[in-house]
Amino acid sequence: MKASTAPRARFPLAHLAVEVVYEQGNTPFFALVACEAIRPADRKPIFSGPVPSDMPAQLRALADHLEGVGA
């Protein structure tokens, strides 16, 4: 899979974005992107890696916690 041609989706997350790159038959990858950085050079991924199988549950737990604290 070439990251530049693979389908991607971007999800806003406060001052960041989570970008998911996935191509059928390959492991999905995610990146945390500083999309609101002042300098364009700083709007590149801060971190990227493969999506682990427990990531959806981790994100649901985070959402539940944030809703519970009134965010």
C-alpha atoms as a PDB file:
ATOM      1  CA  MET A   1       0.000   0.000   0.000  1.00  0.00           C
ATOM      2  CA  LYS A   2       1.302   3.434  -0.906  1.00  0.00           C
ATOM      3  CA  ALA A   3       0.158   5.970   1.681  1.00  0.00           C
ATOM      4  CA  SER A   4      -0.134   8.694  -0.946  1.00  0.00           C
ATOM      5  CA  THR A   5      -2.697   6.771  -3.032  1.00  0.00           C
ATOM      6  CA  ALA A   6      -4.569   4.810  -0.341  1.00  0.00           C
ATOM      7  CA  PRO A   7      -8.057   5.965   0.693  1.00  0.00           C
ATOM      8  CA  ARG A   8      -7.977   8.120   3.814  1.00  0.00           C
ATOM      9  CA  ALA A   9     -10.454   9.673   6.206  1.00  0.00           C
ATOM     10  CA  ARG A  10      -9.827  12.576   8.576  1.00  0.00           C
ATOM     11  CA  PHE A  11     -11.652  13.002  11.889  1.00  0.00           C
ATOM     12  CA  PRO A  12     -11.347  16.248  13.884  1.00  0.00           C
ATOM     13  CA  LEU A  13     -10.248  15.912  17.497  1.00  0.00           C
ATOM     14  CA  ALA A  14     -10.040  19.303  19.249  1.00  0.00           C
ATOM     15  CA  HIS A  15      -6.907  21.005  17.839  1.00  0.00           C
ATOM     16  CA  LEU A  16      -5.750  17.798  16.198  1.00  0.00           C
ATOM     17  CA  ALA A  17      -7.101  15.399  13.630  1.00  0.00           C
ATOM     18  CA  VAL A  18      -6.936  11.639  13.420  1.00  0.00           C
ATOM     19  CA  GLU A  19      -6.304  10.457   9.903  1.00  0.00           C
ATOM     20  CA  VAL A  20      -7.000   6.830   9.004  1.00  0.00           C
ATOM     21  CA  VAL A  21      -5.487   5.254   5.913  1.00  0.00           C
ATOM     22  CA  TYR A  22      -6.926   1.943   4.804  1.00  0.00           C
ATOM     23  CA  GLU A  23      -6.729  -0.196   1.736  1.00  0.00           C
ATOM     24  CA  GLN A  24      -8.635  -3.484   1.444  1.00  0.00           C
ATOM     25  CA  GLY A  25      -6.473  -6.388   2.560  1.00  0.00           C
ATOM     26  CA  ASN A  26      -3.916  -4.252   4.417  1.00  0.00           C
ATOM     27  CA  THR A  27      -3.553  -3.192   8.022  1.00  0.00           C
ATOM     28  CA  PRO A  28      -5.133   0.223   8.631  1.00  0.00           C
ATOM     29  CA  PHE A  29      -2.820   2.979   9.849  1.00  0.00           C
ATOM     30  CA  PHE A  30      -3.637   6.122  11.790  1.00  0.00           C
ATOM     31  CA  ALA A  31      -1.863   9.413  12.276  1.00  0.00           C
ATOM     32  CA  LEU A  32      -2.306  12.259  14.748  1.00  0.00           C
ATOM     33  CA  VAL A  33      -2.044  15.471  12.757  1.00  0.00           C
ATOM     34  CA  ALA A  34      -1.546  18.990  14.148  1.00  0.00           C
ATOM     35  CA  CYS A  35      -4.038  20.403  11.643  1.00  0.00           C
ATOM     36  CA  GLU A  36      -4.362  23.791  13.394  1.00  0.00           C
ATOM     37  CA  ALA A  37      -0.644  24.514  13.664  1.00  0.00           C
ATOM     38  CA  ILE A  38       0.247  28.063  12.675  1.00  0.00           C
ATOM     39  CA  ARG A  39       3.084  27.106  10.377  1.00  0.00           C
ATOM     40  CA  PRO A  40       2.185  24.802   7.473  1.00  0.00           C
ATOM     41  CA  ALA A  41       5.415  22.860   8.066  1.00  0.00           C
ATOM     42  CA  ASP A  42       4.059  21.879  11.500  1.00  0.00           C
ATOM     43  CA  ARG A  43       0.811  20.430  10.087  1.00  0.00           C
ATOM     44  CA  LYS A  44       2.328  17.038   9.486  1.00  0.00           C
ATOM     45  CA  PRO A  45       1.715  13.872  11.504  1.00  0.00           C
ATOM     46  CA  ILE A  46       2.939  13.974  15.096  1.00  0.00           C
ATOM     47  CA  PHE A  47       2.651  10.215  15.408  1.00  0.00           C
ATOM     48  CA  SER A  48       1.541   7.398  13.149  1.00  0.00           C
ATOM     49  CA  GLY A  49       1.270   3.650  13.375  1.00  0.00           C
ATOM     50  CA  PRO A  50      -0.886   0.616  12.701  1.00  0.00           C
ATOM     51  CA  VAL A  51      -4.361   0.540  14.236  1.00  0.00           C
ATOM     52  CA  PRO A  52      -4.325  -2.102  16.999  1.00  0.00           C
ATOM     53  CA  SER A  53      -7.385  -4.334  17.338  1.00  0.00           C
ATOM     54  CA  ASP A  54      -8.333  -2.820  20.714  1.00  0.00           C
ATOM     55  CA  MET A  55      -8.228   0.812  19.535  1.00  0.00           C
ATOM     56  CA  PRO A  56     -12.013   1.096  18.900  1.00  0.00           C
ATOM     57  CA  ALA A  57     -12.713  -0.018  22.488  1.00  0.00           C
ATOM     58  CA  GLN A  58     -10.108   2.423  23.807  1.00  0.00           C
ATOM     59  CA  LEU A  59     -11.685   5.301  21.900  1.00  0.00           C
ATOM     60  CA  ARG A  60     -15.160   4.341  23.145  1.00  0.00           C
ATOM     61  CA  ALA A  61     -13.840   4.287  26.724  1.00  0.00           C
ATOM     62  CA  LEU A  62     -12.344   7.755  26.234  1.00  0.00           C
ATOM     63  CA  ALA A  63     -15.626   9.089  24.812  1.00  0.00           C
ATOM     64  CA  ASP A  64     -17.592   7.565  27.703  1.00  0.00           C
ATOM     65  CA  HIS A  65     -15.203   9.120  30.224  1.00  0.00           C
ATOM     66  CA  LEU A  66     -15.373  12.567  28.611  1.00  0.00           C
ATOM     67  CA  GLU A  67     -19.166  12.442  28.561  1.00  0.00           C
ATOM     68  CA  GLY A  68     -19.126  11.372  32.223  1.00  0.00           C
ATOM     69  CA  VAL A  69     -17.042  14.358  33.305  1.00  0.00           C
ATOM     70  CA  GLY A  70     -19.313  16.778  31.479  1.00  0.00           C
ATOM     71  CA  ALA A  71     -17.105  17.525  28.521  1.00  0.00           C
END
